[in-house]
Amino acid sequence: MNTGWQTQDRFLELHSQWLTVIGEHLQDETGQILEYWRVEKADSVIILPIHNQQLILLPPTYRPGLGQKTLDFPGGRVPEGEQAVTVVPKVIQRELGIPAETISQLTPLNSQGWAVNSSFSNQKLFGFVAELQPTVQIPANFIGAIYPINHDSIASLLNTLICLQCRAMLLEWWFELTQ
């Protein structure tokens, strides 16, 4: 789809290992030149681990943008050239301290990835539900909270989660489950 917008020049491109900041002048369909800033970031995955009919969350992690610790689901970046689904077992192993083989079923919540902030970034978010084998022992130091899968518990978790991405994945999964 041709939007009529054209890039006139790129006046800044700043790279780090985490992101690239780009400043550009764009011309809209009326001929007006506008300054736009955007961030290019790797896509991300959020995983809802389920173990014995309970959702497992990680120990709270400090979030510099918020100035506090937050409770989150496991997640991570998708390296360039990799598929989101191939990252999930690595994240489970790293963030829950259990072998990737303990995932008994892996279900995607979205196949295209959701734009995280399409006005400012190219990043997409992919969600997965990872059902873990009932016999796996997750080390206690990898568990921040456990929520049984029922209406009251999910409502309580939604009141606790600060991360919008975690909330979005939880709501998507809960909506699909209860329909």
C-alpha atoms as a PDB file:
ATOM      1  CA  MET A   1       0.000   0.000   0.000  1.00  0.00           C
ATOM      2  CA  ASN A   2       1.490   3.328  -1.071  1.00  0.00           C
ATOM      3  CA  THR A   3       0.988   5.909   1.675  1.00  0.00           C
ATOM      4  CA  GLY A   4       2.404   8.844  -0.279  1.00  0.00           C
ATOM      5  CA  TRP A   5       5.027   9.435   2.431  1.00  0.00           C
ATOM      6  CA  GLN A   6       8.680   9.617   1.353  1.00  0.00           C
ATOM      7  CA  THR A   7      11.921   9.666   3.317  1.00  0.00           C
ATOM      8  CA  GLN A   8      13.841  12.850   2.472  1.00  0.00           C
ATOM      9  CA  ASP A   9      16.955  12.185   4.563  1.00  0.00           C
ATOM     10  CA  ARG A  10      18.251  10.376   7.609  1.00  0.00           C
ATOM     11  CA  PHE A  11      19.986  12.911   9.855  1.00  0.00           C
ATOM     12  CA  LEU A  12      20.873  10.552  12.717  1.00  0.00           C
ATOM     13  CA  GLU A  13      21.505   6.841  13.194  1.00  0.00           C
ATOM     14  CA  LEU A  14      22.815   5.765  16.589  1.00  0.00           C
ATOM     15  CA  HIS A  15      23.569   2.073  17.183  1.00  0.00           C
ATOM     16  CA  SER A  16      23.948   0.077  20.395  1.00  0.00           C
ATOM     17  CA  GLN A  17      23.728  -3.656  21.056  1.00  0.00           C
ATOM     18  CA  TRP A  18      20.128  -3.176  22.260  1.00  0.00           C
ATOM     19  CA  LEU A  19      18.662  -0.762  19.744  1.00  0.00           C
ATOM     20  CA  THR A  20      19.186   1.717  16.924  1.00  0.00           C
ATOM     21  CA  VAL A  21      17.794   5.259  17.167  1.00  0.00           C
ATOM     22  CA  ILE A  22      16.970   6.856  13.820  1.00  0.00           C
ATOM     23  CA  GLY A  23      16.053  10.461  13.055  1.00  0.00           C
ATOM     24  CA  GLU A  24      14.549  11.156   9.620  1.00  0.00           C
ATOM     25  CA  HIS A  25      12.791  13.859   7.683  1.00  0.00           C
ATOM     26  CA  LEU A  26       9.678  12.533   5.958  1.00  0.00           C
ATOM     27  CA  GLN A  27       7.503  14.255   3.412  1.00  0.00           C
ATOM     28  CA  ASP A  28       3.790  13.576   3.775  1.00  0.00           C
ATOM     29  CA  GLU A  29       1.228  13.409   0.959  1.00  0.00           C
ATOM     30  CA  THR A  30       0.636  17.183   1.171  1.00  0.00           C
ATOM     31  CA  GLY A  31       4.346  17.977   0.702  1.00  0.00           C
ATOM     32  CA  GLN A  32       4.991  18.962   4.323  1.00  0.00           C
ATOM     33  CA  ILE A  33       8.398  17.935   5.716  1.00  0.00           C
ATOM     34  CA  LEU A  34       8.153  16.341   9.170  1.00  0.00           C
ATOM     35  CA  GLU A  35      10.832  15.218  11.600  1.00  0.00           C
ATOM     36  CA  TYR A  36      10.361  11.660  12.842  1.00  0.00           C
ATOM     37  CA  TRP A  37      12.285   9.630  15.383  1.00  0.00           C
ATOM     38  CA  ARG A  38      12.091   5.873  15.668  1.00  0.00           C
ATOM     39  CA  VAL A  39      13.783   2.970  17.366  1.00  0.00           C
ATOM     40  CA  GLU A  40      14.631  -0.320  15.730  1.00  0.00           C
ATOM     41  CA  LYS A  41      14.672  -3.175  18.232  1.00  0.00           C
ATOM     42  CA  ALA A  42      14.764  -6.934  18.050  1.00  0.00           C
ATOM     43  CA  ASP A  43      11.413  -8.699  18.304  1.00  0.00           C
ATOM     44  CA  SER A  44      10.491 -10.185  21.699  1.00  0.00           C
ATOM     45  CA  VAL A  45       8.746 -13.219  23.139  1.00  0.00           C
ATOM     46  CA  ILE A  46       6.665 -13.495  26.304  1.00  0.00           C
ATOM     47  CA  ILE A  47       5.984 -16.999  27.593  1.00  0.00           C
ATOM     48  CA  LEU A  48       3.196 -18.108  29.919  1.00  0.00           C
ATOM     49  CA  PRO A  49       4.608 -21.219  31.623  1.00  0.00           C
ATOM     50  CA  ILE A  50       1.992 -23.587  32.998  1.00  0.00           C
ATOM     51  CA  HIS A  51       2.982 -26.243  35.492  1.00  0.00           C
ATOM     52  CA  ASN A  52       0.333 -28.474  37.082  1.00  0.00           C
ATOM     53  CA  GLN A  53      -2.495 -26.048  36.233  1.00  0.00           C
ATOM     54  CA  GLN A  54      -0.624 -23.060  37.648  1.00  0.00           C
ATOM     55  CA  LEU A  55       0.999 -20.066  35.966  1.00  0.00           C
ATOM     56  CA  ILE A  56       4.631 -19.545  36.970  1.00  0.00           C
ATOM     57  CA  LEU A  57       6.104 -16.040  37.193  1.00  0.00           C
ATOM     58  CA  LEU A  58       9.728 -15.070  37.680  1.00  0.00           C
ATOM     59  CA  PRO A  59      11.141 -13.416  40.785  1.00  0.00           C
ATOM     60  CA  PRO A  60      10.630  -9.629  40.608  1.00  0.00           C
ATOM     61  CA  THR A  61      13.222  -7.838  38.463  1.00  0.00           C
ATOM     62  CA  TYR A  62      14.280  -4.207  38.710  1.00  0.00           C
ATOM     63  CA  ARG A  63      12.988  -2.124  35.781  1.00  0.00           C
ATOM     64  CA  PRO A  64      15.023   1.105  35.372  1.00  0.00           C
ATOM     65  CA  GLY A  65      12.244   2.822  33.397  1.00  0.00           C
ATOM     66  CA  LEU A  66       9.882   2.365  36.351  1.00  0.00           C
ATOM     67  CA  GLY A  67      12.390   2.651  39.165  1.00  0.00           C
ATOM     68  CA  GLN A  68      11.027  -0.494  40.829  1.00  0.00           C
ATOM     69  CA  LYS A  69      10.930  -4.278  40.675  1.00  0.00           C
ATOM     70  CA  THR A  70       8.105  -5.936  38.748  1.00  0.00           C
ATOM     71  CA  LEU A  71       6.686  -9.430  38.527  1.00  0.00           C
ATOM     72  CA  ASP A  72       6.870 -10.741  34.956  1.00  0.00           C
ATOM     73  CA  PHE A  73       6.531 -13.832  32.827  1.00  0.00           C
ATOM     74  CA  PRO A  74       9.673 -15.245  31.188  1.00  0.00           C
ATOM     75  CA  GLY A  75      10.647 -13.475  27.997  1.00  0.00           C
ATOM     76  CA  GLY A  76      13.465 -12.289  25.826  1.00  0.00           C
ATOM     77  CA  ARG A  77      14.665 -10.922  22.524  1.00  0.00           C
ATOM     78  CA  VAL A  78      14.553 -12.795  19.211  1.00  0.00           C
ATOM     79  CA  PRO A  79      18.030 -12.624  17.635  1.00  0.00           C
ATOM     80  CA  GLU A  80      18.167 -11.528  14.005  1.00  0.00           C
ATOM     81  CA  GLY A  81      17.620 -14.473  11.671  1.00  0.00           C
ATOM     82  CA  GLU A  82      15.895 -16.635  14.300  1.00  0.00           C
ATOM     83  CA  GLN A  83      12.228 -17.502  14.603  1.00  0.00           C
ATOM     84  CA  ALA A  84      10.375 -16.611  17.791  1.00  0.00           C
ATOM     85  CA  VAL A  85       9.389 -20.246  18.397  1.00  0.00           C
ATOM     86  CA  THR A  86      13.051 -21.351  18.479  1.00  0.00           C
ATOM     87  CA  VAL A  87      13.849 -18.800  21.205  1.00  0.00           C
ATOM     88  CA  VAL A  88      11.200 -20.088  23.637  1.00  0.00           C
ATOM     89  CA  PRO A  89      13.043 -23.243  24.826  1.00  0.00           C
ATOM     90  CA  LYS A  90      16.215 -21.197  25.421  1.00  0.00           C
ATOM     91  CA  VAL A  91      14.278 -18.627  27.457  1.00  0.00           C
ATOM     92  CA  ILE A  92      12.582 -21.356  29.506  1.00  0.00           C
ATOM     93  CA  GLN A  93      15.940 -22.933  30.243  1.00  0.00           C
ATOM     94  CA  ARG A  94      17.605 -19.614  31.158  1.00  0.00           C
ATOM     95  CA  GLU A  95      14.772 -18.056  33.159  1.00  0.00           C
ATOM     96  CA  LEU A  96      13.211 -21.095  34.876  1.00  0.00           C
ATOM     97  CA  GLY A  97      16.356 -23.176  35.314  1.00  0.00           C
ATOM     98  CA  ILE A  98      14.860 -26.279  33.698  1.00  0.00           C
ATOM     99  CA  PRO A  99      15.800 -28.182  30.534  1.00  0.00           C
ATOM    100  CA  ALA A 100      14.020 -27.199  27.323  1.00  0.00           C
ATOM    101  CA  GLU A 101      12.863 -30.827  26.982  1.00  0.00           C
ATOM    102  CA  THR A 102      10.489 -30.339  29.920  1.00  0.00           C
ATOM    103  CA  ILE A 103       8.122 -28.372  27.662  1.00  0.00           C
ATOM    104  CA  SER A 104       5.372 -30.878  26.879  1.00  0.00           C
ATOM    105  CA  GLN A 105       3.346 -28.536  24.653  1.00  0.00           C
ATOM    106  CA  LEU A 106       4.130 -25.156  23.103  1.00  0.00           C
ATOM    107  CA  THR A 107       1.240 -23.092  21.740  1.00  0.00           C
ATOM    108  CA  PRO A 108       1.615 -19.723  19.994  1.00  0.00           C
ATOM    109  CA  LEU A 109      -0.788 -16.970  21.077  1.00  0.00           C
ATOM    110  CA  ASN A 110      -0.141 -14.901  17.953  1.00  0.00           C
ATOM    111  CA  SER A 111       1.575 -15.960  14.755  1.00  0.00           C
ATOM    112  CA  GLN A 112       2.286 -12.561  13.166  1.00  0.00           C
ATOM    113  CA  GLY A 113       3.603 -10.758  16.221  1.00  0.00           C
ATOM    114  CA  TRP A 114       1.996  -7.607  17.595  1.00  0.00           C
ATOM    115  CA  ALA A 115       3.508  -4.192  17.002  1.00  0.00           C
ATOM    116  CA  VAL A 116       4.694  -2.960  20.406  1.00  0.00           C
ATOM    117  CA  ASN A 117       4.605   0.752  19.542  1.00  0.00           C
ATOM    118  CA  SER A 118       4.233   1.193  15.792  1.00  0.00           C
ATOM    119  CA  SER A 119       4.572   4.984  15.956  1.00  0.00           C
ATOM    120  CA  PHE A 120       8.017   4.779  17.478  1.00  0.00           C
ATOM    121  CA  SER A 121       9.401   1.280  16.977  1.00  0.00           C
ATOM    122  CA  ASN A 122       9.515  -1.668  14.588  1.00  0.00           C
ATOM    123  CA  GLN A 123       9.510  -4.229  17.417  1.00  0.00           C
ATOM    124  CA  LYS A 124       7.012  -7.088  17.379  1.00  0.00           C
ATOM    125  CA  LEU A 125       5.908  -9.160  20.331  1.00  0.00           C
ATOM    126  CA  PHE A 126       5.190 -12.884  20.089  1.00  0.00           C
ATOM    127  CA  GLY A 127       3.381 -14.805  22.804  1.00  0.00           C
ATOM    128  CA  PHE A 128       3.511 -18.491  23.698  1.00  0.00           C
ATOM    129  CA  VAL A 129       2.019 -20.828  26.270  1.00  0.00           C
ATOM    130  CA  ALA A 130       4.506 -23.463  27.430  1.00  0.00           C
ATOM    131  CA  GLU A 131       2.919 -26.362  29.263  1.00  0.00           C
ATOM    132  CA  LEU A 132       5.576 -28.044  31.368  1.00  0.00           C
ATOM    133  CA  GLN A 133       5.780 -31.725  32.229  1.00  0.00           C
ATOM    134  CA  PRO A 134       4.052 -32.349  35.574  1.00  0.00           C
ATOM    135  CA  THR A 135       7.087 -34.056  37.079  1.00  0.00           C
ATOM    136  CA  VAL A 136       9.594 -31.266  36.404  1.00  0.00           C
ATOM    137  CA  GLN A 137      11.009 -29.558  39.489  1.00  0.00           C
ATOM    138  CA  ILE A 138      11.475 -25.819  38.978  1.00  0.00           C
ATOM    139  CA  PRO A 139      14.168 -24.539  41.358  1.00  0.00           C
ATOM    140  CA  ALA A 140      12.586 -22.323  44.044  1.00  0.00           C
ATOM    141  CA  ASN A 141      14.947 -19.404  43.310  1.00  0.00           C
ATOM    142  CA  PHE A 142      13.502 -19.205  39.761  1.00  0.00           C
ATOM    143  CA  ILE A 143       9.909 -18.792  40.997  1.00  0.00           C
ATOM    144  CA  GLY A 144       8.571 -15.371  41.969  1.00  0.00           C
ATOM    145  CA  ALA A 145       4.902 -16.286  42.165  1.00  0.00           C
ATOM    146  CA  ILE A 146       2.489 -19.085  41.331  1.00  0.00           C
ATOM    147  CA  TYR A 147      -1.113 -18.443  40.304  1.00  0.00           C
ATOM    148  CA  PRO A 148      -3.658 -21.267  39.968  1.00  0.00           C
ATOM    149  CA  ILE A 149      -5.625 -21.197  36.743  1.00  0.00           C
ATOM    150  CA  ASN A 150      -9.043 -19.970  37.835  1.00  0.00           C
ATOM    151  CA  HIS A 151     -11.053 -16.771  37.442  1.00  0.00           C
ATOM    152  CA  ASP A 152     -10.236 -15.217  40.835  1.00  0.00           C
ATOM    153  CA  SER A 153      -6.536 -15.983  40.583  1.00  0.00           C
ATOM    154  CA  ILE A 154      -6.244 -14.568  37.052  1.00  0.00           C
ATOM    155  CA  ALA A 155      -8.115 -11.419  38.163  1.00  0.00           C
ATOM    156  CA  SER A 156      -5.679 -11.058  41.057  1.00  0.00           C
ATOM    157  CA  LEU A 157      -2.693 -11.529  38.732  1.00  0.00           C
ATOM    158  CA  LEU A 158      -4.031  -8.874  36.345  1.00  0.00           C
ATOM    159  CA  ASN A 159      -4.160  -6.458  39.285  1.00  0.00           C
ATOM    160  CA  THR A 160      -0.553  -7.315  40.159  1.00  0.00           C
ATOM    161  CA  LEU A 161       1.110  -7.211  36.723  1.00  0.00           C
ATOM    162  CA  ILE A 162       2.544  -3.841  35.711  1.00  0.00           C
ATOM    163  CA  CYS A 163       4.093  -4.961  32.405  1.00  0.00           C
ATOM    164  CA  LEU A 164       1.642  -4.183  29.600  1.00  0.00           C
ATOM    165  CA  GLN A 165       3.131  -6.895  27.391  1.00  0.00           C
ATOM    166  CA  CYS A 166       2.686  -9.530  30.110  1.00  0.00           C
ATOM    167  CA  ARG A 167      -0.873  -8.334  30.716  1.00  0.00           C
ATOM    168  CA  ALA A 168      -1.676  -8.469  26.984  1.00  0.00           C
ATOM    169  CA  MET A 169      -0.445 -12.056  26.676  1.00  0.00           C
ATOM    170  CA  LEU A 170      -2.286 -13.134  29.820  1.00  0.00           C
ATOM    171  CA  LEU A 171      -5.525 -11.549  28.611  1.00  0.00           C
ATOM    172  CA  GLU A 172      -5.168 -13.079  25.130  1.00  0.00           C
ATOM    173  CA  TRP A 173      -4.607 -16.541  26.596  1.00  0.00           C
ATOM    174  CA  TRP A 174      -7.404 -16.191  29.180  1.00  0.00           C
ATOM    175  CA  PHE A 175      -9.846 -14.949  26.513  1.00  0.00           C
ATOM    176  CA  GLU A 176      -9.045 -17.924  24.245  1.00  0.00           C
ATOM    177  CA  LEU A 177      -9.300 -20.336  27.171  1.00  0.00           C
ATOM    178  CA  THR A 178     -12.662 -19.082  28.406  1.00  0.00           C
ATOM    179  CA  GLN A 179     -14.402 -18.778  25.037  1.00  0.00           C
END
